[in-house]
Every structure is written in C-alpha cells, then in structure tokens.
C-alpha cells in the first residue's frame, strides 16, 4: 500500500513523498531513502532505472515500510540558487530533509518509532552517519556505495577514469581542463568562508567553493568513527563511480572493530546495484539507460539485516 505524503509540510521547502506500507497489522520497521548527487526524484530515477522504487517495493514485501521523496534541489533548484547562492551546503540540500523525513516516520503510529533506519545511496550513504548524529537518530545505517573521501577527490578520480578511454588528441584537449579543476579544488581549504561563498567552481551545477569547504570541515570519516549504531555498508565490485580499493575497503577498515557492522561486496554489480553491462566510466550513462531492477540478493540482504536489528 502506498500513500502520498508531504515532507516538512510546515517548512518553506515542503516536498512530495511516497510512504510505502507493508500488509501487516503489527508496527513495522521503516526506512528513509536519501539520494545521491544531483536533482533526483523520489524513485531516484536515473536513465531506465529506479533504485529507490525497487527497494521500496521489495522491502514492503518483507514487512518493512519506507519513505521516499523528491530531493529539494529537484523541486526547488532555482529558488535555492536565488536564495542561498554560495551559501548552499549539504545541510540545506540533503540533511535537513532527511531529518524531517525521519521525524515524520517516528510520529506515525503504524510504525515502530524505535526501528527507523536510513538507506543512503552514494552521496546519501556518504552523509548517513552525519545525518544520524545531527538529528536523524536512526536505529541503524544502510550505506549503499558511499565514500569516506572528499567529494572533490571522487570527482577528480571520475574525470581521470573517463579520459583514459580517449585517444591521445582528445586527452590533450581535456587534461588541461582537469588539471585546472584540481588546482581550483586545492585552493578551497585556504579560502575564508566569505571568499568560498563568492567563488563559483562548478558553474554548470551552480556549485560554489563553500559547498565543498563545508564538507571538508565536517569529515564524514569522523562521523562514521563516532557512530555506535548498527551499520550495513555495501558496494558492487563493478562500480566505477566509487572504488573498491579507496572506498569500500576504507569502510571495512574503519568498521572492523565496530561491534555491529557488516560490509559486503557484490560481484558484477554497478553503482546502482544492478548488473554492470559495460563497466566503464565512458559508457556509464549508456549503461544506466538500460531498464534494470535492483539485484534480488541485495534486496534480500538489506531486508534481512534490517529485520535482525531489534
């Protein structure tokens, strides 16, 4: 069963959402879905895929409710740029709405307020421990293809990976642009907040230096180290947007002494936990255009893990 809901109904930036409920009279555990980068809809639609819709439908069959909603930057992108400009950070773009969503679930008498979880994908997975500690207060964290590196480190790796498939003349064209971007990124931490808020570094995405500086000032790695919540961190081994060596293995290392943490790597799956068709950054968007659904083993593992947390 699904219901149309409003996230942050009394706030300036209220958002449309879908609450999916299992067919059960018992109070159900529930999850809040938190998106990756970019202006994404409630299903996290990317090309021919809908990761959040797939997970919501599958989890409901296992007795788990879920809440998914349009990302603020999708619904109010223009308004946010006009109002915040260079002041925009992940606090306004992601964190506030995830906490609003968590509170909405905790107030629903049909749900178990003590078993509200976060499922964060990509950027959402990266921020999950911070969202939890800044007010989400979840029963557990499910991190899908997250990273503990800075966002600019990941962007640089993706750029270098993309150009390695080009011929030499094309590389000569793009390498100076990539180097210039790195030079800009390297200056961010040396900027004052005031300068960072006035420095546009990714014009096509309206990203100012302060967006990155704020994330540098709130290292996600430190939030993960502090958490005592159960954690399930997973990744596909054919993911070209984050790295097994630099990302997944770092989660494993930091969580190795955590009393209730599990890390699992899935063979043959991409960043969306679907079958990797091309497995290269060059063909990434072509791969995502192919209609696929989330791998059934991933879905079952997430459900089993959530249901194991009492």
C-alpha atoms as a PDB file:
ATOM      1  CA  UNK A   1       0.000   0.000   0.000  1.00  0.00           C
ATOM      2  CA  UNK A   2       1.283   3.483  -0.810  1.00  0.00           C
ATOM      3  CA  UNK A   3       0.278   6.899   0.460  1.00  0.00           C
ATOM      4  CA  UNK A   4       1.131  10.364  -0.825  1.00  0.00           C
ATOM      5  CA  UNK A   5       2.742  12.411   1.950  1.00  0.00           C
ATOM      6  CA  UNK A   6       4.388  15.803   2.386  1.00  0.00           C
ATOM      7  CA  UNK A   7       7.840  16.126   3.955  1.00  0.00           C
ATOM      8  CA  UNK A   8       8.323  19.246   6.069  1.00  0.00           C
ATOM      9  CA  UNK A   9       4.724  20.343   5.500  1.00  0.00           C
ATOM     10  CA  UNK A  10       5.163  23.486   7.608  1.00  0.00           C
ATOM     11  CA  UNK A  11       8.582  24.406   6.233  1.00  0.00           C
ATOM     12  CA  UNK A  12       9.358  26.662   3.282  1.00  0.00           C
ATOM     13  CA  UNK A  13      10.611  23.819   1.109  1.00  0.00           C
ATOM     14  CA  UNK A  14       7.991  21.105   1.562  1.00  0.00           C
ATOM     15  CA  UNK A  15       8.393  18.041  -0.622  1.00  0.00           C
ATOM     16  CA  UNK A  16       6.186  15.385  -2.151  1.00  0.00           C
ATOM     17  CA  UNK A  17       6.845  11.873  -0.928  1.00  0.00           C
ATOM     18  CA  UNK A  18       5.540   8.325  -1.033  1.00  0.00           C
ATOM     19  CA  UNK A  19       5.066   6.254   2.097  1.00  0.00           C
ATOM     20  CA  UNK A  20       5.027   2.539   1.265  1.00  0.00           C
ATOM     21  CA  UNK A  21       3.451   0.317   3.904  1.00  0.00           C
ATOM     22  CA  UNK A  22       3.573  -3.466   4.187  1.00  0.00           C
ATOM     23  CA  UNK A  23       0.424  -5.574   4.536  1.00  0.00           C
ATOM     24  CA  UNK A  24       0.770  -6.077   8.270  1.00  0.00           C
ATOM     25  CA  UNK A  25      -1.184  -5.066  11.350  1.00  0.00           C
ATOM     26  CA  UNK A  26       1.955  -5.100  13.501  1.00  0.00           C
ATOM     27  CA  UNK A  27       4.026  -1.939  13.875  1.00  0.00           C
ATOM     28  CA  UNK A  28       6.529  -2.107  11.066  1.00  0.00           C
ATOM     29  CA  UNK A  29      10.157  -1.010  10.915  1.00  0.00           C
ATOM     30  CA  UNK A  30      10.717   1.680   8.308  1.00  0.00           C
ATOM     31  CA  UNK A  31      13.450   3.299   6.244  1.00  0.00           C
ATOM     32  CA  UNK A  32      14.144   6.785   4.924  1.00  0.00           C
ATOM     33  CA  UNK A  33      15.788   6.852   1.498  1.00  0.00           C
ATOM     34  CA  UNK A  34      18.437   9.540   0.953  1.00  0.00           C
ATOM     35  CA  UNK A  35      19.555  10.315  -2.604  1.00  0.00           C
ATOM     36  CA  UNK A  36      22.877  10.523  -4.351  1.00  0.00           C
ATOM     37  CA  UNK A  37      24.214  13.674  -6.039  1.00  0.00           C
ATOM     38  CA  UNK A  38      22.086  15.821  -8.303  1.00  0.00           C
ATOM     39  CA  UNK A  39      18.401  16.803  -8.528  1.00  0.00           C
ATOM     40  CA  UNK A  40      16.738  13.387  -8.211  1.00  0.00           C
ATOM     41  CA  UNK A  41      13.117  12.347  -7.882  1.00  0.00           C
ATOM     42  CA  UNK A  42      11.546  10.192  -5.198  1.00  0.00           C
ATOM     43  CA  UNK A  43      12.334   6.959  -7.085  1.00  0.00           C
ATOM     44  CA  UNK A  44      15.927   8.058  -7.677  1.00  0.00           C
ATOM     45  CA  UNK A  45      15.254   7.666 -11.394  1.00  0.00           C
ATOM     46  CA  UNK A  46      18.455   7.539 -13.442  1.00  0.00           C
ATOM     47  CA  UNK A  47      18.048   6.630 -17.101  1.00  0.00           C
ATOM     48  CA  UNK A  48      15.961   3.467 -17.224  1.00  0.00           C
ATOM     49  CA  UNK A  49      16.475   2.638 -13.539  1.00  0.00           C
ATOM     50  CA  UNK A  50      14.582   3.418 -10.325  1.00  0.00           C
ATOM     51  CA  UNK A  51      16.659   2.199  -7.403  1.00  0.00           C
ATOM     52  CA  UNK A  52      14.519   3.601  -4.583  1.00  0.00           C
ATOM     53  CA  UNK A  53      11.250   2.401  -6.092  1.00  0.00           C
ATOM     54  CA  UNK A  54      12.680  -1.100  -6.483  1.00  0.00           C
ATOM     55  CA  UNK A  55      13.880  -1.159  -2.894  1.00  0.00           C
ATOM     56  CA  UNK A  56      10.634   0.294  -1.524  1.00  0.00           C
ATOM     57  CA  UNK A  57       8.500  -2.308  -3.306  1.00  0.00           C
ATOM     58  CA  UNK A  58      10.775  -5.181  -2.336  1.00  0.00           C
ATOM     59  CA  UNK A  59      11.127  -4.154   1.304  1.00  0.00           C
ATOM     60  CA  UNK A  60       7.352  -3.801   1.719  1.00  0.00           C
ATOM     61  CA  UNK A  61       7.002  -7.462   0.740  1.00  0.00           C
ATOM     62  CA  UNK A  62       9.382  -8.269   3.605  1.00  0.00           C
ATOM     63  CA  UNK A  63       7.338  -6.272   6.137  1.00  0.00           C
ATOM     64  CA  UNK A  64       9.369  -3.062   6.029  1.00  0.00           C
ATOM     65  CA  UNK A  65       7.850   0.367   5.369  1.00  0.00           C
ATOM     66  CA  UNK A  66       9.702   3.136   3.561  1.00  0.00           C
ATOM     67  CA  UNK A  67       9.567   6.823   2.765  1.00  0.00           C
ATOM     68  CA  UNK A  68      10.969   8.290  -0.423  1.00  0.00           C
ATOM     69  CA  UNK A  69      10.639  11.878  -1.571  1.00  0.00           C
ATOM     70  CA  UNK A  70      11.733  14.304  -4.255  1.00  0.00           C
ATOM     71  CA  UNK A  71      15.073  15.878  -3.497  1.00  0.00           C
ATOM     72  CA  UNK A  72      14.911  19.554  -2.592  1.00  0.00           C
ATOM     73  CA  UNK A  73      17.213  20.506  -5.467  1.00  0.00           C
ATOM     74  CA  UNK A  74      14.789  18.884  -7.927  1.00  0.00           C
ATOM     75  CA  UNK A  75      11.681  20.678  -6.678  1.00  0.00           C
ATOM     76  CA  UNK A  76      13.250  23.993  -5.674  1.00  0.00           C
ATOM     77  CA  UNK A  77      16.553  24.158  -7.551  1.00  0.00           C
ATOM     78  CA  UNK A  78      16.004  27.644  -8.943  1.00  0.00           C
ATOM     79  CA  UNK A  79      14.662  29.008  -5.653  1.00  0.00           C
ATOM     80  CA  UNK A  80      17.628  27.572  -3.714  1.00  0.00           C
ATOM     81  CA  UNK A  81      20.130  29.178  -6.087  1.00  0.00           C
ATOM     82  CA  UNK A  82      18.347  32.543  -5.822  1.00  0.00           C
ATOM     83  CA  UNK A  83      18.004  32.419  -2.048  1.00  0.00           C
ATOM     84  CA  UNK A  84      21.251  30.778  -0.954  1.00  0.00           C
ATOM     85  CA  UNK A  85      23.702  31.256  -3.814  1.00  0.00           C
ATOM     86  CA  UNK A  86      27.153  30.495  -2.476  1.00  0.00           C
ATOM     87  CA  UNK A  87      25.806  29.708   0.999  1.00  0.00           C
ATOM     88  CA  UNK A  88      24.343  26.387  -0.144  1.00  0.00           C
ATOM     89  CA  UNK A  89      25.685  23.325   1.658  1.00  0.00           C
ATOM     90  CA  UNK A  90      24.617  19.707   2.063  1.00  0.00           C
ATOM     91  CA  UNK A  91      22.790  20.842   5.187  1.00  0.00           C
ATOM     92  CA  UNK A  92      20.122  22.575   3.074  1.00  0.00           C
ATOM     93  CA  UNK A  93      20.367  20.243   0.089  1.00  0.00           C
ATOM     94  CA  UNK A  94      20.211  16.872   1.877  1.00  0.00           C
ATOM     95  CA  UNK A  95      20.473  16.718   5.661  1.00  0.00           C
ATOM     96  CA  UNK A  96      17.520  18.848   6.783  1.00  0.00           C
ATOM     97  CA  UNK A  97      15.008  16.928   4.657  1.00  0.00           C
ATOM     98  CA  UNK A  98      16.327  13.523   5.739  1.00  0.00           C
ATOM     99  CA  UNK A  99      15.782  14.529   9.369  1.00  0.00           C
ATOM    100  CA  UNK A 100      12.296  15.877   8.565  1.00  0.00           C
ATOM    101  CA  UNK A 101      11.520  12.530   6.924  1.00  0.00           C
ATOM    102  CA  UNK A 102      12.820  10.533   9.887  1.00  0.00           C
ATOM    103  CA  UNK A 103      10.660  12.539  12.282  1.00  0.00           C
ATOM    104  CA  UNK A 104       7.609  12.023  10.078  1.00  0.00           C
ATOM    105  CA  UNK A 105       8.070   8.257  10.300  1.00  0.00           C
ATOM    106  CA  UNK A 106       8.621   8.346  14.062  1.00  0.00           C
ATOM    107  CA  UNK A 107       5.306  10.153  14.504  1.00  0.00           C
ATOM    108  CA  UNK A 108       3.324   7.564  12.503  1.00  0.00           C
ATOM    109  CA  UNK A 109       1.573   5.244  14.962  1.00  0.00           C
ATOM    110  CA  UNK A 110       1.525   2.425  12.393  1.00  0.00           C
ATOM    111  CA  UNK A 111       5.327   2.267  12.507  1.00  0.00           C
ATOM    112  CA  UNK A 112       7.840   1.216  15.152  1.00  0.00           C
ATOM    113  CA  UNK A 113       9.407   4.527  16.169  1.00  0.00           C
ATOM    114  CA  UNK A 114      12.398   2.678  17.630  1.00  0.00           C
ATOM    115  CA  UNK A 115      13.188   0.925  14.349  1.00  0.00           C
ATOM    116  CA  UNK A 116      13.528   3.740  11.826  1.00  0.00           C
ATOM    117  CA  UNK A 117      16.554   3.244   9.552  1.00  0.00           C
ATOM    118  CA  UNK A 118      18.337   5.285   6.906  1.00  0.00           C
ATOM    119  CA  UNK A 119      19.233   3.896   3.489  1.00  0.00           C
ATOM    120  CA  UNK A 120      21.611   6.361   1.886  1.00  0.00           C
ATOM    121  CA  UNK A 121      22.879   5.899  -1.661  1.00  0.00           C
ATOM    122  CA  UNK A 122      26.134   7.417  -2.944  1.00  0.00           C
ATOM    123  CA  UNK A 123      26.163  10.981  -1.506  1.00  0.00           C
ATOM    124  CA  UNK A 124      23.310   9.914   0.778  1.00  0.00           C
ATOM    125  CA  UNK A 125      25.384   6.977   2.006  1.00  0.00           C
ATOM    126  CA  UNK A 126      28.377   9.228   2.462  1.00  0.00           C
ATOM    127  CA  UNK A 127      26.300  11.558   4.663  1.00  0.00           C
ATOM    128  CA  UNK A 128      24.320   8.884   6.537  1.00  0.00           C
ATOM    129  CA  UNK A 129      26.445   8.920   9.730  1.00  0.00           C
ATOM    130  CA  UNK A 130      26.346  12.727   9.796  1.00  0.00           C
ATOM    131  CA  UNK A 131      22.568  12.795   9.256  1.00  0.00           C
ATOM    132  CA  UNK A 132      22.182  10.329  12.117  1.00  0.00           C
ATOM    133  CA  UNK A 133      24.321  12.316  14.539  1.00  0.00           C
ATOM    134  CA  UNK A 134      22.846  15.694  13.558  1.00  0.00           C
ATOM    135  CA  UNK A 135      19.306  14.656  14.456  1.00  0.00           C
ATOM    136  CA  UNK A 136      18.184  11.662  12.399  1.00  0.00           C
ATOM    137  CA  UNK A 137      18.854   9.337  15.342  1.00  0.00           C
ATOM    138  CA  UNK A 138      18.229   6.145  13.395  1.00  0.00           C
ATOM    139  CA  UNK A 139      18.153   2.568  14.627  1.00  0.00           C
ATOM    140  CA  UNK A 140      20.758   1.666  12.022  1.00  0.00           C
ATOM    141  CA  UNK A 141      22.515   2.873   8.874  1.00  0.00           C
ATOM    142  CA  UNK A 142      22.461   1.192   5.469  1.00  0.00           C
ATOM    143  CA  UNK A 143      25.178   2.708   3.278  1.00  0.00           C
ATOM    144  CA  UNK A 144      24.885   1.954  -0.431  1.00  0.00           C
ATOM    145  CA  UNK A 145      28.014   2.743  -2.474  1.00  0.00           C
ATOM    146  CA  UNK A 146      29.135   5.502  -0.149  1.00  0.00           C
ATOM    147  CA  UNK A 147      32.536   7.131   0.175  1.00  0.00           C
ATOM    148  CA  UNK A 148      34.629   8.431   3.053  1.00  0.00           C
ATOM    149  CA  UNK A 149      36.745  10.580   0.759  1.00  0.00           C
ATOM    150  CA  UNK A 150      36.015  14.206  -0.041  1.00  0.00           C
ATOM    151  CA  UNK A 151      33.633  14.865  -2.891  1.00  0.00           C
ATOM    152  CA  UNK A 152      36.317  16.628  -4.906  1.00  0.00           C
ATOM    153  CA  UNK A 153      38.632  13.600  -4.610  1.00  0.00           C
ATOM    154  CA  UNK A 154      35.903  11.402  -6.058  1.00  0.00           C
ATOM    155  CA  UNK A 155      35.163  13.899  -8.851  1.00  0.00           C
ATOM    156  CA  UNK A 156      38.836  14.012  -9.828  1.00  0.00           C
ATOM    157  CA  UNK A 157      39.108  10.220  -9.929  1.00  0.00           C
ATOM    158  CA  UNK A 158      35.999  10.029 -12.091  1.00  0.00           C
ATOM    159  CA  UNK A 159      37.432  12.598 -14.506  1.00  0.00           C
ATOM    160  CA  UNK A 160      40.757  10.813 -14.842  1.00  0.00           C
ATOM    161  CA  UNK A 161      38.975   7.495 -15.286  1.00  0.00           C
ATOM    162  CA  UNK A 162      36.747   8.921 -18.016  1.00  0.00           C
ATOM    163  CA  UNK A 163      39.578  10.280 -20.158  1.00  0.00           C
ATOM    164  CA  UNK A 164      41.718   7.148 -20.109  1.00  0.00           C
ATOM    165  CA  UNK A 165      39.482   5.718 -22.839  1.00  0.00           C
ATOM    166  CA  UNK A 166      40.094   8.684 -25.149  1.00  0.00           C
ATOM    167  CA  UNK A 167      42.696   8.865 -27.895  1.00  0.00           C
ATOM    168  CA  UNK A 168      45.792  10.993 -27.360  1.00  0.00           C
ATOM    169  CA  UNK A 169      44.482  14.083 -29.153  1.00  0.00           C
ATOM    170  CA  UNK A 170      41.323  14.053 -27.026  1.00  0.00           C
ATOM    171  CA  UNK A 171      43.352  13.560 -23.852  1.00  0.00           C
ATOM    172  CA  UNK A 172      45.479  16.581 -24.739  1.00  0.00           C
ATOM    173  CA  UNK A 173      42.274  18.596 -25.011  1.00  0.00           C
ATOM    174  CA  UNK A 174      40.782  17.528 -21.684  1.00  0.00           C
ATOM    175  CA  UNK A 175      43.829  17.149 -19.440  1.00  0.00           C
ATOM    176  CA  UNK A 176      44.436  20.923 -19.023  1.00  0.00           C
ATOM    177  CA  UNK A 177      40.757  21.353 -18.055  1.00  0.00           C
ATOM    178  CA  UNK A 178      41.003  18.592 -15.464  1.00  0.00           C
ATOM    179  CA  UNK A 179      44.246  19.999 -14.084  1.00  0.00           C
ATOM    180  CA  UNK A 180      42.635  23.438 -13.806  1.00  0.00           C
ATOM    181  CA  UNK A 181      39.743  21.907 -11.888  1.00  0.00           C
ATOM    182  CA  UNK A 182      42.160  20.203  -9.498  1.00  0.00           C
ATOM    183  CA  UNK A 183      44.034  23.460  -8.969  1.00  0.00           C
ATOM    184  CA  UNK A 184      40.731  25.099  -8.052  1.00  0.00           C
ATOM    185  CA  UNK A 185      39.803  22.278  -5.677  1.00  0.00           C
ATOM    186  CA  UNK A 186      43.218  22.536  -3.998  1.00  0.00           C
ATOM    187  CA  UNK A 187      42.535  26.187  -3.135  1.00  0.00           C
ATOM    188  CA  UNK A 188      39.213  25.574  -1.378  1.00  0.00           C
ATOM    189  CA  UNK A 189      40.562  24.900   2.124  1.00  0.00           C
ATOM    190  CA  UNK A 190      42.726  28.028   2.002  1.00  0.00           C
ATOM    191  CA  UNK A 191      39.693  30.244   1.365  1.00  0.00           C
ATOM    192  CA  UNK A 192      37.805  32.034   4.103  1.00  0.00           C
ATOM    193  CA  UNK A 193      34.107  31.173   4.291  1.00  0.00           C
ATOM    194  CA  UNK A 194      33.295  34.580   2.795  1.00  0.00           C
ATOM    195  CA  UNK A 195      35.553  34.048  -0.221  1.00  0.00           C
ATOM    196  CA  UNK A 196      34.346  30.463  -0.660  1.00  0.00           C
ATOM    197  CA  UNK A 197      30.749  31.677  -0.796  1.00  0.00           C
ATOM    198  CA  UNK A 198      31.666  34.008  -3.655  1.00  0.00           C
ATOM    199  CA  UNK A 199      33.738  31.521  -5.674  1.00  0.00           C
ATOM    200  CA  UNK A 200      31.810  29.529  -8.268  1.00  0.00           C
ATOM    201  CA  UNK A 201      33.799  26.376  -9.057  1.00  0.00           C
ATOM    202  CA  UNK A 202      31.333  24.192 -10.984  1.00  0.00           C
ATOM    203  CA  UNK A 203      29.223  26.719 -12.922  1.00  0.00           C
ATOM    204  CA  UNK A 204      27.070  24.174 -14.761  1.00  0.00           C
ATOM    205  CA  UNK A 205      25.877  22.809 -11.393  1.00  0.00           C
ATOM    206  CA  UNK A 206      25.839  26.175  -9.556  1.00  0.00           C
ATOM    207  CA  UNK A 207      28.348  24.770  -7.045  1.00  0.00           C
ATOM    208  CA  UNK A 208      30.353  27.279  -5.029  1.00  0.00           C
ATOM    209  CA  UNK A 209      33.553  26.541  -3.154  1.00  0.00           C
ATOM    210  CA  UNK A 210      31.729  26.786   0.172  1.00  0.00           C
ATOM    211  CA  UNK A 211      29.738  23.634  -0.675  1.00  0.00           C
ATOM    212  CA  UNK A 212      32.991  21.644  -0.687  1.00  0.00           C
ATOM    213  CA  UNK A 213      34.629  23.606   2.131  1.00  0.00           C
ATOM    214  CA  UNK A 214      31.705  22.860   4.425  1.00  0.00           C
ATOM    215  CA  UNK A 215      32.050  19.153   3.683  1.00  0.00           C
ATOM    216  CA  UNK A 216      35.791  19.333   4.350  1.00  0.00           C
ATOM    217  CA  UNK A 217      35.002  20.972   7.697  1.00  0.00           C
ATOM    218  CA  UNK A 218      32.678  18.059   8.543  1.00  0.00           C
ATOM    219  CA  UNK A 219      34.730  14.955   7.588  1.00  0.00           C
ATOM    220  CA  UNK A 220      32.342  12.052   7.044  1.00  0.00           C
ATOM    221  CA  UNK A 221      35.015   9.648   8.229  1.00  0.00           C
ATOM    222  CA  UNK A 222      34.896  11.181  11.710  1.00  0.00           C
ATOM    223  CA  UNK A 223      31.105  10.795  11.901  1.00  0.00           C
ATOM    224  CA  UNK A 224      31.413   7.117  10.981  1.00  0.00           C
ATOM    225  CA  UNK A 225      34.098   6.576  13.622  1.00  0.00           C
ATOM    226  CA  UNK A 226      31.819   8.099  16.265  1.00  0.00           C
ATOM    227  CA  UNK A 227      28.717   6.090  15.483  1.00  0.00           C
ATOM    228  CA  UNK A 228      27.680   3.265  17.758  1.00  0.00           C
ATOM    229  CA  UNK A 229      24.687   2.419  15.574  1.00  0.00           C
ATOM    230  CA  UNK A 230      24.485  -0.826  13.563  1.00  0.00           C
ATOM    231  CA  UNK A 231      25.917  -0.309  10.076  1.00  0.00           C
ATOM    232  CA  UNK A 232      25.475  -2.261   6.832  1.00  0.00           C
ATOM    233  CA  UNK A 233      27.868  -0.900   4.167  1.00  0.00           C
ATOM    234  CA  UNK A 234      27.702  -2.446   0.695  1.00  0.00           C
ATOM    235  CA  UNK A 235      29.064  -1.888  -2.798  1.00  0.00           C
ATOM    236  CA  UNK A 236      29.155  -3.549  -6.214  1.00  0.00           C
ATOM    237  CA  UNK A 237      32.593  -4.613  -7.400  1.00  0.00           C
ATOM    238  CA  UNK A 238      31.937  -3.176 -10.891  1.00  0.00           C
ATOM    239  CA  UNK A 239      31.070   0.262  -9.515  1.00  0.00           C
ATOM    240  CA  UNK A 240      33.057   2.858 -11.472  1.00  0.00           C
ATOM    241  CA  UNK A 241      31.756   5.897  -9.569  1.00  0.00           C
ATOM    242  CA  UNK A 242      33.330   4.845  -6.286  1.00  0.00           C
ATOM    243  CA  UNK A 243      36.235   2.478  -5.763  1.00  0.00           C
ATOM    244  CA  UNK A 244      36.572  -0.885  -4.052  1.00  0.00           C
ATOM    245  CA  UNK A 245      40.131  -0.068  -3.035  1.00  0.00           C
ATOM    246  CA  UNK A 246      39.638   3.557  -1.984  1.00  0.00           C
ATOM    247  CA  UNK A 247      36.052   3.434  -0.705  1.00  0.00           C
ATOM    248  CA  UNK A 248      34.682   0.005   0.196  1.00  0.00           C
ATOM    249  CA  UNK A 249      37.951  -1.144   1.767  1.00  0.00           C
ATOM    250  CA  UNK A 250      38.084   2.042   3.824  1.00  0.00           C
ATOM    251  CA  UNK A 251      34.648   1.267   5.264  1.00  0.00           C
ATOM    252  CA  UNK A 252      35.858  -2.242   6.093  1.00  0.00           C
ATOM    253  CA  UNK A 253      38.939  -0.894   7.829  1.00  0.00           C
ATOM    254  CA  UNK A 254      37.148   1.722   9.928  1.00  0.00           C
ATOM    255  CA  UNK A 255      34.312  -0.638  10.854  1.00  0.00           C
ATOM    256  CA  UNK A 256      36.456  -3.714  11.578  1.00  0.00           C
ATOM    257  CA  UNK A 257      36.194  -3.225  15.349  1.00  0.00           C
ATOM    258  CA  UNK A 258      32.578  -1.998  15.323  1.00  0.00           C
ATOM    259  CA  UNK A 259      30.507  -4.437  17.369  1.00  0.00           C
ATOM    260  CA  UNK A 260      27.563  -4.436  14.950  1.00  0.00           C
ATOM    261  CA  UNK A 261      28.756  -3.598  11.459  1.00  0.00           C
ATOM    262  CA  UNK A 262      28.736  -5.628   8.257  1.00  0.00           C
ATOM    263  CA  UNK A 263      30.429  -4.807   4.952  1.00  0.00           C
ATOM    264  CA  UNK A 264      29.604  -6.768   1.818  1.00  0.00           C
ATOM    265  CA  UNK A 265      30.859  -6.546  -1.754  1.00  0.00           C
ATOM    266  CA  UNK A 266      28.628  -7.819  -4.581  1.00  0.00           C
ATOM    267  CA  UNK A 267      30.082  -9.411  -7.693  1.00  0.00           C
ATOM    268  CA  UNK A 268      29.192  -7.968 -11.090  1.00  0.00           C
ATOM    269  CA  UNK A 269      27.062  -5.054  -9.834  1.00  0.00           C
ATOM    270  CA  UNK A 270      27.370  -1.367 -10.652  1.00  0.00           C
ATOM    271  CA  UNK A 271      26.783   1.810  -8.627  1.00  0.00           C
ATOM    272  CA  UNK A 272      23.008   1.218  -8.721  1.00  0.00           C
ATOM    273  CA  UNK A 273      23.317  -2.389  -7.526  1.00  0.00           C
ATOM    274  CA  UNK A 274      22.254  -3.662 -10.916  1.00  0.00           C
ATOM    275  CA  UNK A 275      24.149  -5.794 -13.410  1.00  0.00           C
ATOM    276  CA  UNK A 276      27.168  -3.988 -14.869  1.00  0.00           C
ATOM    277  CA  UNK A 277      26.780  -4.062 -18.651  1.00  0.00           C
ATOM    278  CA  UNK A 278      29.797  -2.037 -19.803  1.00  0.00           C
ATOM    279  CA  UNK A 279      31.620  -1.423 -16.547  1.00  0.00           C
ATOM    280  CA  UNK A 280      33.379   1.756 -17.686  1.00  0.00           C
ATOM    281  CA  UNK A 281      33.013   5.438 -16.869  1.00  0.00           C
ATOM    282  CA  UNK A 282      32.975   6.168 -20.597  1.00  0.00           C
ATOM    283  CA  UNK A 283      29.771   4.166 -21.138  1.00  0.00           C
ATOM    284  CA  UNK A 284      28.173   4.906 -17.787  1.00  0.00           C
ATOM    285  CA  UNK A 285      25.115   6.808 -18.988  1.00  0.00           C
ATOM    286  CA  UNK A 286      24.505   4.289 -21.763  1.00  0.00           C
ATOM    287  CA  UNK A 287      24.519   1.583 -19.127  1.00  0.00           C
ATOM    288  CA  UNK A 288      22.026   3.450 -16.966  1.00  0.00           C
ATOM    289  CA  UNK A 289      19.675   3.928 -19.921  1.00  0.00           C
ATOM    290  CA  UNK A 290      19.071   0.169 -19.995  1.00  0.00           C
ATOM    291  CA  UNK A 291      15.970  -0.641 -17.886  1.00  0.00           C
ATOM    292  CA  UNK A 292      17.034  -2.844 -14.991  1.00  0.00           C
ATOM    293  CA  UNK A 293      15.956  -3.563 -11.439  1.00  0.00           C
ATOM    294  CA  UNK A 294      17.981  -3.869  -8.262  1.00  0.00           C
ATOM    295  CA  UNK A 295      19.687  -7.211  -7.701  1.00  0.00           C
ATOM    296  CA  UNK A 296      17.430  -9.538  -5.687  1.00  0.00           C
ATOM    297  CA  UNK A 297      20.271 -10.676  -3.402  1.00  0.00           C
ATOM    298  CA  UNK A 298      20.981  -7.067  -2.418  1.00  0.00           C
ATOM    299  CA  UNK A 299      17.315  -6.505  -1.643  1.00  0.00           C
ATOM    300  CA  UNK A 300      17.068  -9.667   0.436  1.00  0.00           C
ATOM    301  CA  UNK A 301      20.274  -8.886   2.337  1.00  0.00           C
ATOM    302  CA  UNK A 302      19.107  -5.368   3.226  1.00  0.00           C
ATOM    303  CA  UNK A 303      15.719  -6.690   4.404  1.00  0.00           C
ATOM    304  CA  UNK A 304      17.305  -9.467   6.445  1.00  0.00           C
ATOM    305  CA  UNK A 305      19.751  -7.057   8.049  1.00  0.00           C
ATOM    306  CA  UNK A 306      17.036  -4.554   8.993  1.00  0.00           C
ATOM    307  CA  UNK A 307      14.792  -7.269  10.434  1.00  0.00           C
ATOM    308  CA  UNK A 308      17.716  -8.572  12.517  1.00  0.00           C
ATOM    309  CA  UNK A 309      18.016  -5.245  14.373  1.00  0.00           C
ATOM    310  CA  UNK A 310      15.631  -5.301  17.318  1.00  0.00           C
END
